Structures are given as structure tokens and as C-alpha cells.
């Protein structure tokens, strides 16, 4: 599983992410970005391309090996 966070204060709505990874990101109107905060590993390559293409680097991608860690915070 891959966890995604977008700094919506930094995002300027260029929509490069929605173009490169439409299964994860979508534009709502002209400026509002919608996204799935948790993507499966099959989308990892497209997600990496989308994050790299963001002109303002507003996308943070974090790989999560164990979903239980996310819920409990345990290690």
C-alpha cells in the first residue's frame, strides 16, 4: 500500500498529477484536486511519475509495508 498526502495550500491546480495518474488524482472544477490517499502497489509507478511532475512539489508519497502500522502506529 502507498500512502499519499497533497499539500493543498501549495497545489496550484496544474493537473499534471491527474493527467499522469487518473486513477488516483482528479480535478474537480478548475482548481480543486481530489485524490485517493491510499493507493495500491500496482499504481506506484504512475504515482511516482505524477509526484515528480508536480511543478510545486505538493505531492508526498510514502510506502507502507504493513497496513497495521498505519492504524495502530506500532512498530
N, C-alpha and C. Protein backbone atom coordinates (compact mmCIF):
# COMPACT_ATOMS: atom_id res chain seq x y z
N UNK A 1 0.85 -1.18 0.00
CA UNK A 1 0.00 0.00 0.00
C UNK A 1 0.90 1.24 0.00
N UNK A 2 0.42 2.27 -0.63
CA UNK A 2 1.14 3.53 -0.71
C UNK A 2 0.24 4.62 -0.14
N UNK A 3 0.79 5.39 0.78
CA UNK A 3 0.04 6.49 1.38
C UNK A 3 0.43 7.78 0.67
N UNK A 4 -0.57 8.61 0.36
CA UNK A 4 -0.36 9.84 -0.39
C UNK A 4 -0.87 11.02 0.43
N UNK A 5 -0.13 12.10 0.42
CA UNK A 5 -0.58 13.35 1.01
C UNK A 5 -0.28 14.47 0.02
N UNK A 6 -1.24 15.36 -0.14
CA UNK A 6 -1.05 16.51 -1.03
C UNK A 6 -1.20 17.77 -0.20
N UNK A 7 -0.22 18.64 -0.28
CA UNK A 7 -0.30 19.93 0.39
C UNK A 7 -1.20 20.81 -0.47
N UNK A 8 -2.47 20.87 -0.09
CA UNK A 8 -3.45 21.61 -0.89
C UNK A 8 -3.25 23.12 -0.83
N UNK A 9 -2.48 23.60 0.15
CA UNK A 9 -2.13 25.02 0.18
C UNK A 9 -1.08 25.34 -0.87
N UNK A 10 -0.25 24.35 -1.16
CA UNK A 10 0.81 24.53 -2.16
C UNK A 10 0.32 24.24 -3.58
N UNK A 11 -0.62 23.30 -3.71
CA UNK A 11 -1.13 22.89 -5.02
C UNK A 11 -1.72 24.09 -5.76
N UNK A 12 -1.34 24.23 -7.02
CA UNK A 12 -1.81 25.34 -7.84
C UNK A 12 -2.77 24.90 -8.94
N UNK A 13 -3.14 23.62 -8.96
CA UNK A 13 -4.12 23.13 -9.92
C UNK A 13 -3.59 22.95 -11.33
N UNK A 14 -2.31 22.67 -11.48
CA UNK A 14 -1.74 22.45 -12.81
C UNK A 14 -2.25 21.16 -13.45
N UNK A 15 -2.72 20.23 -12.65
CA UNK A 15 -3.34 18.97 -13.08
C UNK A 15 -2.40 17.98 -13.74
N UNK A 16 -1.11 18.14 -13.58
CA UNK A 16 -0.17 17.16 -14.13
C UNK A 16 -0.39 15.79 -13.48
N UNK A 17 -0.69 15.77 -12.20
CA UNK A 17 -0.92 14.52 -11.49
C UNK A 17 -2.17 13.81 -12.04
N UNK A 18 -3.23 14.56 -12.29
CA UNK A 18 -4.47 13.98 -12.82
C UNK A 18 -4.26 13.44 -14.22
N UNK A 19 -3.39 14.05 -14.98
CA UNK A 19 -3.08 13.58 -16.33
C UNK A 19 -2.26 12.30 -16.29
N UNK A 20 -1.28 12.24 -15.38
CA UNK A 20 -0.38 11.09 -15.31
C UNK A 20 -0.91 9.92 -14.49
N UNK A 21 -1.76 10.17 -13.51
CA UNK A 21 -2.31 9.11 -12.66
C UNK A 21 -3.80 9.34 -12.43
N UNK A 22 -4.61 9.20 -13.49
CA UNK A 22 -6.04 9.50 -13.36
C UNK A 22 -6.80 8.56 -12.42
N UNK A 23 -6.23 7.41 -12.10
CA UNK A 23 -6.88 6.52 -11.15
C UNK A 23 -6.72 6.97 -9.71
N UNK A 24 -5.85 7.92 -9.47
CA UNK A 24 -5.58 8.41 -8.12
C UNK A 24 -6.02 9.86 -7.95
N UNK A 25 -5.72 10.70 -8.95
CA UNK A 25 -5.99 12.13 -8.88
C UNK A 25 -7.05 12.55 -9.89
N UNK A 26 -7.84 13.53 -9.52
CA UNK A 26 -8.84 14.10 -10.44
C UNK A 26 -9.06 15.56 -10.07
N UNK A 27 -9.29 16.36 -11.07
CA UNK A 27 -9.62 17.76 -10.83
C UNK A 27 -11.13 17.90 -10.71
N UNK A 28 -11.55 18.67 -9.74
CA UNK A 28 -12.96 18.98 -9.56
C UNK A 28 -13.10 20.47 -9.84
N UNK A 29 -13.64 20.78 -10.99
CA UNK A 29 -13.68 22.17 -11.40
C UNK A 29 -12.33 22.59 -11.93
N UNK A 30 -12.02 23.85 -11.84
CA UNK A 30 -10.77 24.37 -12.39
C UNK A 30 -9.59 24.28 -11.43
N UNK A 31 -9.85 24.27 -10.12
CA UNK A 31 -8.74 24.36 -9.17
C UNK A 31 -8.73 23.32 -8.06
N UNK A 32 -9.84 22.64 -7.80
CA UNK A 32 -9.90 21.71 -6.67
C UNK A 32 -9.40 20.32 -7.06
N UNK A 33 -8.44 19.81 -6.31
CA UNK A 33 -7.88 18.50 -6.56
C UNK A 33 -8.51 17.48 -5.62
N UNK A 34 -8.97 16.39 -6.19
CA UNK A 34 -9.46 15.26 -5.42
C UNK A 34 -8.45 14.13 -5.60
N UNK A 35 -8.21 13.36 -4.53
CA UNK A 35 -7.27 12.25 -4.65
C UNK A 35 -7.59 11.16 -3.64
N UNK A 36 -7.13 9.95 -3.96
CA UNK A 36 -7.28 8.81 -3.08
C UNK A 36 -6.03 8.76 -2.20
N UNK A 37 -6.15 8.94 -0.88
CA UNK A 37 -4.96 9.00 -0.03
C UNK A 37 -4.22 7.67 0.11
N UNK A 38 -4.85 6.57 -0.29
CA UNK A 38 -4.20 5.27 -0.21
C UNK A 38 -4.33 4.56 -1.54
N UNK A 39 -3.22 4.32 -2.19
CA UNK A 39 -3.21 3.64 -3.48
C UNK A 39 -2.55 2.28 -3.32
N UNK A 40 -2.91 1.35 -4.19
CA UNK A 40 -2.26 0.04 -4.11
C UNK A 40 -0.93 0.07 -4.84
N UNK A 41 -0.15 -0.96 -4.61
CA UNK A 41 1.20 -1.02 -5.17
C UNK A 41 1.23 -1.04 -6.69
N UNK A 42 0.15 -1.50 -7.32
CA UNK A 42 0.10 -1.54 -8.79
C UNK A 42 0.16 -0.14 -9.39
N UNK A 43 -0.22 0.86 -8.62
CA UNK A 43 -0.23 2.25 -9.10
C UNK A 43 1.04 3.02 -8.72
N UNK A 44 1.98 2.34 -8.11
CA UNK A 44 3.18 3.01 -7.58
C UNK A 44 3.97 3.77 -8.65
N UNK A 45 4.16 3.17 -9.83
CA UNK A 45 4.96 3.82 -10.87
C UNK A 45 4.28 5.09 -11.38
N UNK A 46 2.97 5.02 -11.65
CA UNK A 46 2.25 6.20 -12.12
C UNK A 46 2.23 7.28 -11.04
N UNK A 47 2.11 6.86 -9.80
CA UNK A 47 2.11 7.81 -8.69
C UNK A 47 3.45 8.52 -8.58
N UNK A 48 4.53 7.78 -8.74
CA UNK A 48 5.87 8.39 -8.69
C UNK A 48 6.05 9.39 -9.82
N UNK A 49 5.56 9.06 -11.00
CA UNK A 49 5.64 9.98 -12.14
C UNK A 49 4.83 11.24 -11.87
N UNK A 50 3.64 11.07 -11.31
CA UNK A 50 2.79 12.22 -11.01
C UNK A 50 3.43 13.13 -9.97
N UNK A 51 4.00 12.54 -8.93
CA UNK A 51 4.64 13.34 -7.88
C UNK A 51 5.84 14.09 -8.44
N UNK A 52 6.63 13.43 -9.28
CA UNK A 52 7.80 14.08 -9.87
C UNK A 52 7.41 15.20 -10.83
N UNK A 53 6.26 15.07 -11.48
CA UNK A 53 5.83 16.07 -12.47
C UNK A 53 5.16 17.29 -11.84
N UNK A 54 4.84 17.23 -10.56
CA UNK A 54 4.17 18.36 -9.92
C UNK A 54 5.10 19.57 -9.90
N UNK A 55 4.72 20.67 -10.56
CA UNK A 55 5.59 21.84 -10.64
C UNK A 55 5.92 22.48 -9.29
N UNK A 56 5.05 22.29 -8.30
CA UNK A 56 5.29 22.90 -6.99
C UNK A 56 5.62 21.86 -5.91
N UNK A 57 5.82 20.60 -6.34
CA UNK A 57 6.18 19.51 -5.44
C UNK A 57 5.24 19.41 -4.24
N UNK A 58 3.93 19.39 -4.52
CA UNK A 58 2.92 19.35 -3.47
C UNK A 58 2.53 17.93 -3.06
N UNK A 59 3.05 16.91 -3.76
CA UNK A 59 2.63 15.53 -3.52
C UNK A 59 3.71 14.79 -2.74
N UNK A 60 3.31 14.19 -1.61
CA UNK A 60 4.20 13.38 -0.80
C UNK A 60 3.73 11.93 -0.89
N UNK A 61 4.64 11.03 -1.22
CA UNK A 61 4.33 9.61 -1.36
C UNK A 61 5.13 8.85 -0.33
N UNK A 62 4.45 7.96 0.41
CA UNK A 62 5.10 7.18 1.45
C UNK A 62 4.67 5.73 1.31
N UNK A 63 5.61 4.81 1.15
CA UNK A 63 5.30 3.39 1.05
C UNK A 63 5.04 2.85 2.46
N UNK A 64 4.01 2.04 2.58
CA UNK A 64 3.65 1.43 3.86
C UNK A 64 3.69 -0.07 3.66
N UNK A 65 4.57 -0.74 4.41
CA UNK A 65 4.71 -2.18 4.26
C UNK A 65 3.61 -2.95 4.98
N UNK A 66 3.24 -2.50 6.16
CA UNK A 66 2.26 -3.21 6.97
C UNK A 66 1.09 -2.29 7.28
N UNK A 67 -0.09 -2.56 6.71
CA UNK A 67 -1.26 -1.69 6.97
C UNK A 67 -1.58 -1.55 8.44
N UNK A 68 -1.24 -2.52 9.28
CA UNK A 68 -1.50 -2.41 10.73
C UNK A 68 -0.71 -1.28 11.36
N UNK A 69 0.47 -0.98 10.80
CA UNK A 69 1.29 0.13 11.32
C UNK A 69 0.56 1.45 11.18
N UNK A 70 -0.14 1.63 10.08
CA UNK A 70 -0.85 2.88 9.84
C UNK A 70 -1.94 3.09 10.85
N UNK A 71 -2.68 2.03 11.16
CA UNK A 71 -3.81 2.12 12.09
C UNK A 71 -3.34 2.28 13.53
N UNK A 72 -2.41 1.44 13.96
CA UNK A 72 -2.02 1.44 15.36
C UNK A 72 -0.83 2.31 15.69
N UNK A 73 0.00 2.59 14.69
CA UNK A 73 1.20 3.35 14.93
C UNK A 73 2.29 2.52 15.55
N UNK A 74 2.04 1.21 15.69
CA UNK A 74 3.01 0.30 16.31
C UNK A 74 4.14 -0.05 15.35
N UNK A 75 5.26 -0.42 15.91
CA UNK A 75 6.40 -0.89 15.11
C UNK A 75 6.94 -2.15 15.69
